[in-house]
Each structure stands twice: as structure tokens, then as C-alpha cells.
């Protein structure tokens, strides 16, 4: 079983920034592809960004140019740097290892003035 712990969410004004962290255990991390998802209120969960074991990255169109996904294999951690935040980025953010159906508790991001 893969364990995931998300952190770093909070309340931020439009245009602000946050950095989310996802600590992963229970798996050989450096071989994994890891994704960030978000679940906005009243909407379905959506893929935000993915980073592969070879550090290729993929982004949803809605966050391209604003969000950056990265990983630190020595720390078994994936990050999501979020800049120029908008109200529509408000959601609970989760990370997940591709191929596994394990989820963390998520971290709330609220963008409001």
C-alpha cells in the first residue's frame, strides 16, 4: 500500500503563490510517475499535473505557465509550485502514484480576496 501525505495548502489572495508537497512512502519512489489532482467544490476531480520517473512533465491547459511540478527523489517528495493563483484554482489538492488507487487526505487551497 502506498502512503501519501499532502501539505502546503492555505488561504491566498488572487495572484498569490503556494507550494504544495506530497510525501510518498511504501514504494520505490524513484521509479514512480506521480500526479497532482484537484477536486473543486461542486465539480469532478481533475488532473492538474504529472511528473514521470524520468522527470517529464505534463500539465492541464488551465494551469500551464502558472504551475510547476517537480520531484526530489532523495526526499520521496513531489512538489507543486502554484503561481498567479486564481479563484478557480480553489480546490482540495491530492497527489497519487500512477497505477495505484491510494490517496492522501488532500490539502485545501482557497483563493479569495
PDB file of N, CA and C in Angstrom:
ATOM      1  N   UNK A   1       0.848  -1.191   0.000  1.00  0.00           N
ATOM      2  CA  UNK A   1       0.000   0.000   0.000  1.00  0.00           C
ATOM      3  C   UNK A   1       0.885   1.243   0.000  1.00  0.00           C
ATOM      4  N   UNK A   2       0.502   2.194  -0.844  1.00  0.00           N
ATOM      5  CA  UNK A   2       1.247   3.439  -0.936  1.00  0.00           C
ATOM      6  C   UNK A   2       0.630   4.456   0.016  1.00  0.00           C
ATOM      7  N   UNK A   3       1.477   5.127   0.776  1.00  0.00           N
ATOM      8  CA  UNK A   3       1.001   6.199   1.653  1.00  0.00           C
ATOM      9  C   UNK A   3       1.400   7.544   1.058  1.00  0.00           C
ATOM     10  N   UNK A   4       0.455   8.478   1.094  1.00  0.00           N
ATOM     11  CA  UNK A   4       0.701   9.813   0.559  1.00  0.00           C
ATOM     12  C   UNK A   4       0.227  10.849   1.569  1.00  0.00           C
ATOM     13  N   UNK A   5       1.036  11.858   1.789  1.00  0.00           N
ATOM     14  CA  UNK A   5       0.681  12.940   2.708  1.00  0.00           C
ATOM     15  C   UNK A   5       0.899  14.269   2.001  1.00  0.00           C
ATOM     16  N   UNK A   6      -0.203  14.966   1.749  1.00  0.00           N
ATOM     17  CA  UNK A   6      -0.141  16.272   1.104  1.00  0.00           C
ATOM     18  C   UNK A   6      -0.096  17.381   2.162  1.00  0.00           C
ATOM     19  N   UNK A   7       0.597  18.458   1.841  1.00  0.00           N
ATOM     20  CA  UNK A   7       0.661  19.601   2.743  1.00  0.00           C
ATOM     21  C   UNK A   7       0.951  20.857   1.941  1.00  0.00           C
ATOM     22  N   UNK A   8       0.797  22.000   2.608  1.00  0.00           N
ATOM     23  CA  UNK A   8       1.164  23.266   1.993  1.00  0.00           C
ATOM     24  C   UNK A   8       0.009  24.120   1.521  1.00  0.00           C
ATOM     25  N   UNK A   9      -1.208  23.618   1.627  1.00  0.00           N
ATOM     26  CA  UNK A   9      -2.350  24.414   1.208  1.00  0.00           C
ATOM     27  C   UNK A   9      -2.618  25.575   2.150  1.00  0.00           C
ATOM     28  N   UNK A  10      -3.569  26.395   1.775  1.00  0.00           N
ATOM     29  CA  UNK A  10      -3.919  27.534   2.618  1.00  0.00           C
ATOM     30  C   UNK A  10      -4.819  28.502   1.906  1.00  0.00           C
ATOM     31  N   UNK A  11      -4.974  29.663   2.539  1.00  0.00           N
ATOM     32  CA  UNK A  11      -5.797  30.742   2.016  1.00  0.00           C
ATOM     33  C   UNK A  11      -4.878  31.792   1.399  1.00  0.00           C
ATOM     34  N   UNK A  12      -5.146  32.159   0.152  1.00  0.00           N
ATOM     35  CA  UNK A  12      -4.277  33.107  -0.541  1.00  0.00           C
ATOM     36  C   UNK A  12      -5.126  34.027  -1.414  1.00  0.00           C
ATOM     37  N   UNK A  13      -4.643  35.225  -1.630  1.00  0.00           N
ATOM     38  CA  UNK A  13      -5.349  36.179  -2.488  1.00  0.00           C
ATOM     39  C   UNK A  13      -5.062  35.872  -3.960  1.00  0.00           C
ATOM     40  N   UNK A  14      -5.962  36.286  -4.852  1.00  0.00           N
ATOM     41  CA  UNK A  14      -5.690  36.131  -6.290  1.00  0.00           C
ATOM     42  C   UNK A  14      -4.353  36.762  -6.657  1.00  0.00           C
ATOM     43  N   UNK A  15      -3.604  36.043  -7.494  1.00  0.00           N
ATOM     44  CA  UNK A  15      -2.276  36.497  -7.868  1.00  0.00           C
ATOM     45  C   UNK A  15      -1.175  35.978  -6.964  1.00  0.00           C
ATOM     46  N   UNK A  16      -1.558  35.366  -5.865  1.00  0.00           N
ATOM     47  CA  UNK A  16      -0.584  34.857  -4.913  1.00  0.00           C
ATOM     48  C   UNK A  16      -0.012  33.511  -5.309  1.00  0.00           C
ATOM     49  N   UNK A  17       0.817  32.973  -4.424  1.00  0.00           N
ATOM     50  CA  UNK A  17       1.519  31.717  -4.697  1.00  0.00           C
ATOM     51  C   UNK A  17       1.438  30.782  -3.496  1.00  0.00           C
ATOM     52  N   UNK A  18       1.513  29.496  -3.796  1.00  0.00           N
ATOM     53  CA  UNK A  18       1.619  28.456  -2.773  1.00  0.00           C
ATOM     54  C   UNK A  18       2.496  27.339  -3.309  1.00  0.00           C
ATOM     55  N   UNK A  19       3.103  26.605  -2.406  1.00  0.00           N
ATOM     56  CA  UNK A  19       3.879  25.428  -2.784  1.00  0.00           C
ATOM     57  C   UNK A  19       3.349  24.226  -2.017  1.00  0.00           C
ATOM     58  N   UNK A  20       2.823  23.268  -2.748  1.00  0.00           N
ATOM     59  CA  UNK A  20       2.316  22.052  -2.144  1.00  0.00           C
ATOM     60  C   UNK A  20       3.389  20.975  -2.147  1.00  0.00           C
ATOM     61  N   UNK A  21       3.334  20.121  -1.137  1.00  0.00           N
ATOM     62  CA  UNK A  21       4.256  18.992  -1.042  1.00  0.00           C
ATOM     63  C   UNK A  21       3.460  17.694  -0.921  1.00  0.00           C
ATOM     64  N   UNK A  22       4.021  16.634  -1.477  1.00  0.00           N
ATOM     65  CA  UNK A  22       3.416  15.309  -1.391  1.00  0.00           C
ATOM     66  C   UNK A  22       4.513  14.331  -0.987  1.00  0.00           C
ATOM     67  N   UNK A  23       4.437  13.846   0.230  1.00  0.00           N
ATOM     68  CA  UNK A  23       5.403  12.864   0.725  1.00  0.00           C
ATOM     69  C   UNK A  23       4.866  11.469   0.447  1.00  0.00           C
ATOM     70  N   UNK A  24       5.684  10.645  -0.193  1.00  0.00           N
ATOM     71  CA  UNK A  24       5.265   9.312  -0.625  1.00  0.00           C
ATOM     72  C   UNK A  24       6.088   8.252   0.098  1.00  0.00           C
ATOM     73  N   UNK A  25       5.437   7.184   0.547  1.00  0.00           N
ATOM     74  CA  UNK A  25       6.136   6.065   1.163  1.00  0.00           C
ATOM     75  C   UNK A  25       5.447   4.764   0.771  1.00  0.00           C
ATOM     76  N   UNK A  26       6.136   3.656   1.029  1.00  0.00           N
ATOM     77  CA  UNK A  26       5.559   2.354   0.728  1.00  0.00           C
ATOM     78  C   UNK A  26       5.829   1.868  -0.677  1.00  0.00           C
ATOM     79  N   UNK A  27       6.732   2.556  -1.391  1.00  0.00           N
ATOM     80  CA  UNK A  27       7.013   2.202  -2.776  1.00  0.00           C
ATOM     81  C   UNK A  27       8.408   2.729  -3.110  1.00  0.00           C
ATOM     82  N   UNK A  28       9.037   2.131  -4.136  1.00  0.00           N
ATOM     83  CA  UNK A  28      10.340   2.647  -4.577  1.00  0.00           C
ATOM     84  C   UNK A  28      10.070   3.896  -5.386  1.00  0.00           C
ATOM     85  N   UNK A  29      10.224   5.023  -4.745  1.00  0.00           N
ATOM     86  CA  UNK A  29       9.729   6.292  -5.259  1.00  0.00           C
ATOM     87  C   UNK A  29      10.337   6.665  -6.603  1.00  0.00           C
ATOM     88  N   UNK A  30      11.614   6.447  -6.784  1.00  0.00           N
ATOM     89  CA  UNK A  30      12.292   6.969  -7.964  1.00  0.00           C
ATOM     90  C   UNK A  30      11.783   6.318  -9.259  1.00  0.00           C
ATOM     91  N   UNK A  31      11.064   5.198  -9.140  1.00  0.00           N
ATOM     92  CA  UNK A  31      10.536   4.524 -10.335  1.00  0.00           C
ATOM     93  C   UNK A  31       9.098   4.925 -10.658  1.00  0.00           C
ATOM     94  N   UNK A  32       8.527   5.834  -9.866  1.00  0.00           N
ATOM     95  CA  UNK A  32       7.116   6.145  -9.994  1.00  0.00           C
ATOM     96  C   UNK A  32       6.838   7.374 -10.842  1.00  0.00           C
ATOM     97  N   UNK A  33       5.658   7.378 -11.448  1.00  0.00           N
ATOM     98  CA  UNK A  33       5.072   8.591 -12.023  1.00  0.00           C
ATOM     99  C   UNK A  33       4.055   9.085 -10.998  1.00  0.00           C
ATOM    100  N   UNK A  34       4.102  10.367 -10.712  1.00  0.00           N
ATOM    101  CA  UNK A  34       3.235  10.927  -9.665  1.00  0.00           C
ATOM    102  C   UNK A  34       2.451  12.108 -10.230  1.00  0.00           C
ATOM    103  N   UNK A  35       1.193  12.165  -9.868  1.00  0.00           N
ATOM    104  CA  UNK A  35       0.326  13.230 -10.378  1.00  0.00           C
ATOM    105  C   UNK A  35      -0.304  14.015  -9.232  1.00  0.00           C
ATOM    106  N   UNK A  36      -0.585  15.264  -9.516  1.00  0.00           N
ATOM    107  CA  UNK A  36      -1.427  16.093  -8.661  1.00  0.00           C
ATOM    108  C   UNK A  36      -2.802  16.185  -9.309  1.00  0.00           C
ATOM    109  N   UNK A  37      -3.829  15.997  -8.492  1.00  0.00           N
ATOM    110  CA  UNK A  37      -5.202  16.185  -8.903  1.00  0.00           C
ATOM    111  C   UNK A  37      -5.823  17.256  -8.008  1.00  0.00           C
ATOM    112  N   UNK A  38      -6.954  17.787  -8.448  1.00  0.00           N
ATOM    113  CA  UNK A  38      -7.702  18.682  -7.572  1.00  0.00           C
ATOM    114  C   UNK A  38      -9.194  18.407  -7.713  1.00  0.00           C
ATOM    115  N   UNK A  39      -9.913  18.693  -6.633  1.00  0.00           N
ATOM    116  CA  UNK A  39     -11.352  18.482  -6.606  1.00  0.00           C
ATOM    117  C   UNK A  39     -11.995  19.801  -6.213  1.00  0.00           C
ATOM    118  N   UNK A  40     -12.412  20.593  -7.216  1.00  0.00           N
ATOM    119  CA  UNK A  40     -13.051  21.867  -6.900  1.00  0.00           C
ATOM    120  C   UNK A  40     -14.441  21.642  -6.310  1.00  0.00           C
ATOM    121  N   UNK A  41     -14.951  22.572  -5.524  1.00  0.00           N
ATOM    122  CA  UNK A  41     -16.286  22.407  -4.941  1.00  0.00           C
ATOM    123  C   UNK A  41     -17.348  22.308  -6.025  1.00  0.00           C
ATOM    124  N   UNK A  42     -18.181  21.273  -5.930  1.00  0.00           N
ATOM    125  CA  UNK A  42     -19.270  21.109  -6.869  1.00  0.00           C
ATOM    126  C   UNK A  42     -18.871  20.574  -8.226  1.00  0.00           C
ATOM    127  N   UNK A  43     -17.608  20.202  -8.389  1.00  0.00           N
ATOM    128  CA  UNK A  43     -17.129  19.713  -9.681  1.00  0.00           C
ATOM    129  C   UNK A  43     -16.445  18.362  -9.510  1.00  0.00           C
ATOM    130  N   UNK A  44     -16.085  17.753 -10.629  1.00  0.00           N
ATOM    131  CA  UNK A  44     -15.379  16.483 -10.572  1.00  0.00           C
ATOM    132  C   UNK A  44     -13.885  16.692 -10.365  1.00  0.00           C
ATOM    133  N   UNK A  45     -13.242  15.660  -9.840  1.00  0.00           N
ATOM    134  CA  UNK A  45     -11.805  15.699  -9.673  1.00  0.00           C
ATOM    135  C   UNK A  45     -11.134  15.772 -11.046  1.00  0.00           C
ATOM    136  N   UNK A  46     -10.060  16.537 -11.134  1.00  0.00           N
ATOM    137  CA  UNK A  46      -9.369  16.709 -12.414  1.00  0.00           C
ATOM    138  C   UNK A  46      -7.864  16.616 -12.234  1.00  0.00           C
ATOM    139  N   UNK A  47      -7.202  16.154 -13.288  1.00  0.00           N
ATOM    140  CA  UNK A  47      -5.746  16.071 -13.279  1.00  0.00           C
ATOM    141  C   UNK A  47      -5.162  17.472 -13.448  1.00  0.00           C
ATOM    142  N   UNK A  48      -4.194  17.794 -12.622  1.00  0.00           N
ATOM    143  CA  UNK A  48      -3.536  19.095 -12.682  1.00  0.00           C
ATOM    144  C   UNK A  48      -2.180  18.981 -13.356  1.00  0.00           C
ATOM    145  N   UNK A  49      -1.367  18.042 -12.889  1.00  0.00           N
ATOM    146  CA  UNK A  49      -0.007  17.907 -13.417  1.00  0.00           C
ATOM    147  C   UNK A  49       0.520  16.516 -13.112  1.00  0.00           C
ATOM    148  N   UNK A  50       1.458  16.078 -13.939  1.00  0.00           N
ATOM    149  CA  UNK A  50       2.074  14.763 -13.784  1.00  0.00           C
ATOM    150  C   UNK A  50       3.567  14.889 -13.995  1.00  0.00           C
ATOM    151  N   UNK A  51       4.331  14.149 -13.199  1.00  0.00           N
ATOM    152  CA  UNK A  51       5.766  14.069 -13.426  1.00  0.00           C
ATOM    153  C   UNK A  51       6.150  12.601 -13.479  1.00  0.00           C
ATOM    154  N   UNK A  52       6.917  12.239 -14.507  1.00  0.00           N
ATOM    155  CA  UNK A  52       7.306  10.844 -14.666  1.00  0.00           C
ATOM    156  C   UNK A  52       8.602  10.553 -13.903  1.00  0.00           C
ATOM    157  N   UNK A  53       8.973   9.285 -13.883  1.00  0.00           N
ATOM    158  CA  UNK A  53      10.205   8.887 -13.206  1.00  0.00           C
ATOM    159  C   UNK A  53      11.427   9.508 -13.874  1.00  0.00           C
ATOM    160  N   UNK A  54      11.308   9.821 -15.178  1.00  0.00           N
ATOM    161  CA  UNK A  54      12.403  10.470 -15.895  1.00  0.00           C
ATOM    162  C   UNK A  54      12.260  11.984 -15.898  1.00  0.00           C
ATOM    163  N   UNK A  55      11.317  12.479 -15.101  1.00  0.00           N
ATOM    164  CA  UNK A  55      11.091  13.915 -14.883  1.00  0.00           C
ATOM    165  C   UNK A  55      10.501  14.640 -16.073  1.00  0.00           C
ATOM    166  N   UNK A  56       9.838  13.903 -16.974  1.00  0.00           N
ATOM    167  CA  UNK A  56       8.984  14.568 -17.960  1.00  0.00           C
ATOM    168  C   UNK A  56       7.761  15.092 -17.233  1.00  0.00           C
ATOM    169  N   UNK A  57       7.253  16.221 -17.691  1.00  0.00           N
ATOM    170  CA  UNK A  57       6.115  16.829 -17.011  1.00  0.00           C
ATOM    171  C   UNK A  57       4.966  17.099 -17.994  1.00  0.00           C
ATOM    172  N   UNK A  58       3.763  17.059 -17.457  1.00  0.00           N
ATOM    173  CA  UNK A  58       2.562  17.313 -18.247  1.00  0.00           C
ATOM    174  C   UNK A  58       1.613  18.130 -17.385  1.00  0.00           C
ATOM    175  N   UNK A  59       0.912  19.068 -18.015  1.00  0.00           N
ATOM    176  CA  UNK A  59       0.035  19.971 -17.275  1.00  0.00           C
ATOM    177  C   UNK A  59      -1.331  20.085 -17.932  1.00  0.00           C
ATOM    178  N   UNK A  60      -2.332  20.290 -17.108  1.00  0.00           N
ATOM    179  CA  UNK A  60      -3.642  20.664 -17.637  1.00  0.00           C
ATOM    180  C   UNK A  60      -3.520  22.041 -18.278  1.00  0.00           C
ATOM    181  N   UNK A  61      -4.293  22.268 -19.326  1.00  0.00           N
ATOM    182  CA  UNK A  61      -4.217  23.553 -20.021  1.00  0.00           C
ATOM    183  C   UNK A  61      -4.499  24.717 -19.087  1.00  0.00           C
ATOM    184  N   UNK A  62      -5.362  24.497 -18.115  1.00  0.00           N
ATOM    185  CA  UNK A  62      -5.782  25.576 -17.224  1.00  0.00           C
ATOM    186  C   UNK A  62      -4.666  26.062 -16.302  1.00  0.00           C
ATOM    187  N   UNK A  63      -3.595  25.270 -16.160  1.00  0.00           N
ATOM    188  CA  UNK A  63      -2.528  25.669 -15.231  1.00  0.00           C
ATOM    189  C   UNK A  63      -1.182  25.862 -15.923  1.00  0.00           C
ATOM    190  N   UNK A  64      -1.118  25.584 -17.212  1.00  0.00           N
ATOM    191  CA  UNK A  64       0.149  25.743 -17.934  1.00  0.00           C
ATOM    192  C   UNK A  64       0.667  27.169 -17.815  1.00  0.00           C
ATOM    193  N   UNK A  65       1.957  27.266 -17.526  1.00  0.00           N
ATOM    194  CA  UNK A  65       2.591  28.563 -17.384  1.00  0.00           C
ATOM    195  C   UNK A  65       2.461  29.162 -15.993  1.00  0.00           C
ATOM    196  N   UNK A  66       1.613  28.575 -15.152  1.00  0.00           N
ATOM    197  CA  UNK A  66       1.422  29.088 -13.788  1.00  0.00           C
ATOM    198  C   UNK A  66       1.893  28.096 -12.729  1.00  0.00           C
ATOM    199  N   UNK A  67       1.714  26.803 -12.995  1.00  0.00           N
ATOM    200  CA  UNK A  67       2.075  25.760 -12.030  1.00  0.00           C
ATOM    201  C   UNK A  67       3.312  25.017 -12.521  1.00  0.00           C
ATOM    202  N   UNK A  68       4.126  24.569 -11.574  1.00  0.00           N
ATOM    203  CA  UNK A  68       5.299  23.766 -11.894  1.00  0.00           C
ATOM    204  C   UNK A  68       5.360  22.567 -10.963  1.00  0.00           C
ATOM    205  N   UNK A  69       5.436  21.374 -11.544  1.00  0.00           N
ATOM    206  CA  UNK A  69       5.576  20.143 -10.761  1.00  0.00           C
ATOM    207  C   UNK A  69       7.042  19.737 -10.778  1.00  0.00           C
ATOM    208  N   UNK A  70       7.519  19.262  -9.634  1.00  0.00           N
ATOM    209  CA  UNK A  70       8.907  18.814  -9.539  1.00  0.00           C
ATOM    210  C   UNK A  70       8.983  17.692  -8.508  1.00  0.00           C
ATOM    211  N   UNK A  71      10.128  17.045  -8.458  1.00  0.00           N
ATOM    212  CA  UNK A  71      10.284  15.948  -7.501  1.00  0.00           C
ATOM    213  C   UNK A  71      11.677  15.952  -6.913  1.00  0.00           C
ATOM    214  N   UNK A  72      11.776  15.432  -5.703  1.00  0.00           N
ATOM    215  CA  UNK A  72      13.054  15.264  -5.013  1.00  0.00           C
ATOM    216  C   UNK A  72      13.123  13.802  -4.580  1.00  0.00           C
ATOM    217  N   UNK A  73      13.782  12.982  -5.375  1.00  0.00           N
ATOM    218  CA  UNK A  73      13.808  11.550  -5.094  1.00  0.00           C
ATOM    219  C   UNK A  73      14.480  11.234  -3.754  1.00  0.00           C
ATOM    220  N   UNK A  74      15.436  12.046  -3.368  1.00  0.00           N
ATOM    221  CA  UNK A  74      16.118  11.803  -2.096  1.00  0.00           C
ATOM    222  C   UNK A  74      15.177  11.996  -0.914  1.00  0.00           C
ATOM    223  N   UNK A  75      14.100  12.744  -1.140  1.00  0.00           N
ATOM    224  CA  UNK A  75      13.137  13.010  -0.066  1.00  0.00           C
ATOM    225  C   UNK A  75      11.806  12.309  -0.286  1.00  0.00           C
ATOM    226  N   UNK A  76      11.710  11.505  -1.350  1.00  0.00           N
ATOM    227  CA  UNK A  76      10.443  10.827  -1.680  1.00  0.00           C
ATOM    228  C   UNK A  76       9.284  11.820  -1.729  1.00  0.00           C
ATOM    229  N   UNK A  77       9.526  12.958  -2.341  1.00  0.00           N
ATOM    230  CA  UNK A  77       8.542  14.036  -2.315  1.00  0.00           C
ATOM    231  C   UNK A  77       8.345  14.639  -3.699  1.00  0.00           C
ATOM    232  N   UNK A  78       7.114  14.961  -4.003  1.00  0.00           N
ATOM    233  CA  UNK A  78       6.753  15.702  -5.211  1.00  0.00           C
ATOM    234  C   UNK A  78       6.172  17.041  -4.781  1.00  0.00           C
ATOM    235  N   UNK A  79       6.516  18.081  -5.528  1.00  0.00           N
ATOM    236  CA  UNK A  79       6.069  19.439  -5.207  1.00  0.00           C
ATOM    237  C   UNK A  79       5.178  19.972  -6.325  1.00  0.00           C
ATOM    238  N   UNK A  80       4.338  20.918  -5.970  1.00  0.00           N
ATOM    239  CA  UNK A  80       3.561  21.664  -6.950  1.00  0.00           C
ATOM    240  C   UNK A  80       3.662  23.139  -6.582  1.00  0.00           C
ATOM    241  N   UNK A  81       4.447  23.858  -7.375  1.00  0.00           N
ATOM    242  CA  UNK A  81       4.587  25.301  -7.187  1.00  0.00           C
ATOM    243  C   UNK A  81       3.470  25.962  -7.963  1.00  0.00           C
ATOM    244  N   UNK A  82       2.653  26.754  -7.277  1.00  0.00           N
ATOM    245  CA  UNK A  82       1.484  27.383  -7.899  1.00  0.00           C
ATOM    246  C   UNK A  82       1.636  28.895  -7.816  1.00  0.00           C
ATOM    247  N   UNK A  83       1.695  29.539  -8.953  1.00  0.00           N
ATOM    248  CA  UNK A  83       1.817  30.992  -9.028  1.00  0.00           C
ATOM    249  C   UNK A  83       0.620  31.593  -9.749  1.00  0.00           C
ATOM    250  N   UNK A  84       0.463  32.901  -9.611  1.00  0.00           N
ATOM    251  CA  UNK A  84      -0.639  33.619 -10.273  1.00  0.00           C
ATOM    252  C   UNK A  84      -1.968  32.919 -10.024  1.00  0.00           C
ATOM    253  N   UNK A  85      -2.210  32.591  -8.783  1.00  0.00           N
ATOM    254  CA  UNK A  85      -3.405  31.829  -8.444  1.00  0.00           C
ATOM    255  C   UNK A  85      -4.678  32.615  -8.729  1.00  0.00           C
ATOM    256  N   UNK A  86      -5.689  31.858  -9.131  1.00  0.00           N
ATOM    257  CA  UNK A  86      -6.988  32.428  -9.466  1.00  0.00           C
ATOM    258  C   UNK A  86      -8.058  31.797  -8.576  1.00  0.00           C
ATOM    259  N   UNK A  87      -9.196  32.428  -8.508  1.00  0.00           N
ATOM    260  CA  UNK A  87     -10.296  31.897  -7.699  1.00  0.00           C
ATOM    261  C   UNK A  87     -10.676  30.490  -8.153  1.00  0.00           C
ATOM    262  N   UNK A  88     -10.576  30.240  -9.452  1.00  0.00           N
ATOM    263  CA  UNK A  88     -10.957  28.923  -9.978  1.00  0.00           C
ATOM    264  C   UNK A  88      -9.954  27.830  -9.648  1.00  0.00           C
ATOM    265  N   UNK A  89      -8.834  28.191  -9.026  1.00  0.00           N
ATOM    266  CA  UNK A  89      -7.885  27.178  -8.544  1.00  0.00           C
ATOM    267  C   UNK A  89      -8.294  26.634  -7.178  1.00  0.00           C
ATOM    268  N   UNK A  90      -9.315  27.218  -6.572  1.00  0.00           N
ATOM    269  CA  UNK A  90      -9.797  26.754  -5.275  1.00  0.00           C
ATOM    270  C   UNK A  90     -10.251  25.313  -5.366  1.00  0.00           C
ATOM    271  N   UNK A  91      -9.698  24.468  -4.512  1.00  0.00           N
ATOM    272  CA  UNK A  91      -9.991  23.030  -4.560  1.00  0.00           C
ATOM    273  C   UNK A  91      -9.237  22.331  -3.438  1.00  0.00           C
ATOM    274  N   UNK A  92      -9.592  21.072  -3.217  1.00  0.00           N
ATOM    275  CA  UNK A  92      -8.748  20.192  -2.415  1.00  0.00           C
ATOM    276  C   UNK A  92      -7.782  19.514  -3.387  1.00  0.00           C
ATOM    277  N   UNK A  93      -6.507  19.589  -3.089  1.00  0.00           N
ATOM    278  CA  UNK A  93      -5.468  19.050  -3.955  1.00  0.00           C
ATOM    279  C   UNK A  93      -4.955  17.736  -3.376  1.00  0.00           C
ATOM    280  N   UNK A  94      -4.858  16.748  -4.255  1.00  0.00           N
ATOM    281  CA  UNK A  94      -4.401  15.415  -3.880  1.00  0.00           C
ATOM    282  C   UNK A  94      -3.242  15.001  -4.788  1.00  0.00           C
ATOM    283  N   UNK A  95      -2.388  14.135  -4.272  1.00  0.00           N
ATOM    284  CA  UNK A  95      -1.392  13.514  -5.136  1.00  0.00           C
ATOM    285  C   UNK A  95      -1.672  12.016  -5.205  1.00  0.00           C
ATOM    286  N   UNK A  96      -1.170  11.416  -6.249  1.00  0.00           N
ATOM    287  CA  UNK A  96      -1.412   9.993  -6.463  1.00  0.00           C
ATOM    288  C   UNK A  96      -0.294   9.406  -7.301  1.00  0.00           C
ATOM    289  N   UNK A  97       0.081   8.171  -7.002  1.00  0.00           N
ATOM    290  CA  UNK A  97       1.069   7.456  -7.796  1.00  0.00           C
ATOM    291  C   UNK A  97       0.348   6.728  -8.923  1.00  0.00           C
ATOM    292  N   UNK A  98       0.803   6.948 -10.126  1.00  0.00           N
ATOM    293  CA  UNK A  98       0.146   6.353 -11.289  1.00  0.00           C
ATOM    294  C   UNK A  98       0.164   4.832 -11.199  1.00  0.00           C
ATOM    295  N   UNK A  99      -1.000   4.218 -11.396  1.00  0.00           N
ATOM    296  CA  UNK A  99      -1.105   2.772 -11.327  1.00  0.00           C
ATOM    297  C   UNK A  99      -1.555   2.250  -9.976  1.00  0.00           C
ATOM    298  N   UNK A 100      -1.695   3.133  -9.009  1.00  0.00           N
ATOM    299  CA  UNK A 100      -2.139   2.753  -7.669  1.00  0.00           C
ATOM    300  C   UNK A 100      -3.382   3.555  -7.304  1.00  0.00           C
ATOM    301  N   UNK A 101      -4.269   2.939  -6.568  1.00  0.00           N
ATOM    302  CA  UNK A 101      -5.520   3.592  -6.178  1.00  0.00           C
ATOM    303  C   UNK A 101      -5.470   4.038  -4.718  1.00  0.00           C
ATOM    304  N   UNK A 102      -4.344   4.626  -4.346  1.00  0.00           N
ATOM    305  CA  UNK A 102      -4.186   5.131  -2.980  1.00  0.00           C
ATOM    306  C   UNK A 102      -4.176   6.648  -3.020  1.00  0.00           C
ATOM    307  N   UNK A 103      -4.789   7.245  -2.020  1.00  0.00           N
ATOM    308  CA  UNK A 103      -4.902   8.697  -1.949  1.00  0.00           C
ATOM    309  C   UNK A 103      -4.574   9.179  -0.548  1.00  0.00           C
ATOM    310  N   UNK A 104      -4.069  10.374  -0.455  1.00  0.00           N
ATOM    311  CA  UNK A 104      -3.859  11.007   0.830  1.00  0.00           C
ATOM    312  C   UNK A 104      -5.124  11.735   1.268  1.00  0.00           C
ATOM    313  N   UNK A 105      -4.966  12.542   2.309  1.00  0.00           N
ATOM    314  CA  UNK A 105      -6.116  13.262   2.852  1.00  0.00           C
ATOM    315  C   UNK A 105      -6.393  14.551   2.084  1.00  0.00           C
ATOM    316  N   UNK A 106      -5.434  14.937   1.240  1.00  0.00           N
ATOM    317  CA  UNK A 106      -5.582  16.169   0.474  1.00  0.00           C
ATOM    318  C   UNK A 106      -5.205  17.399   1.275  1.00  0.00           C
ATOM    319  N   UNK A 107      -5.032  18.495   0.558  1.00  0.00           N
ATOM    320  CA  UNK A 107      -4.742  19.777   1.197  1.00  0.00           C
ATOM    321  C   UNK A 107      -5.590  20.845   0.524  1.00  0.00           C
ATOM    322  N   UNK A 108      -6.251  21.662   1.326  1.00  0.00           N
ATOM    323  CA  UNK A 108      -7.193  22.651   0.817  1.00  0.00           C
ATOM    324  C   UNK A 108      -6.456  23.899   0.337  1.00  0.00           C
ATOM    325  N   UNK A 109      -6.781  24.322  -0.870  1.00  0.00           N
ATOM    326  CA  UNK A 109      -6.291  25.597  -1.403  1.00  0.00           C
ATOM    327  C   UNK A 109      -7.502  26.479  -1.659  1.00  0.00           C
ATOM    328  N   UNK A 110      -7.507  27.657  -1.055  1.00  0.00           N
ATOM    329  CA  UNK A 110      -8.601  28.603  -1.230  1.00  0.00           C
ATOM    330  C   UNK A 110      -8.029  29.926  -1.713  1.00  0.00           C
ATOM    331  N   UNK A 111      -8.499  30.362  -2.874  1.00  0.00           N
ATOM    332  CA  UNK A 111      -8.037  31.614  -3.458  1.00  0.00           C
ATOM    333  C   UNK A 111      -9.206  32.594  -3.422  1.00  0.00           C
ATOM    334  N   UNK A 112      -9.062  33.625  -2.608  1.00  0.00           N
ATOM    335  CA  UNK A 112     -10.148  34.579  -2.455  1.00  0.00           C
ATOM    336  C   UNK A 112      -9.611  35.926  -2.011  1.00  0.00           C
ATOM    337  N   UNK A 113     -10.295  36.970  -2.412  1.00  0.00           N
ATOM    338  CA  UNK A 113      -9.917  38.308  -1.970  1.00  0.00           C
ATOM    339  C   UNK A 113     -10.712  38.690  -0.730  1.00  0.00           C
TER     340      UNK A 113
END
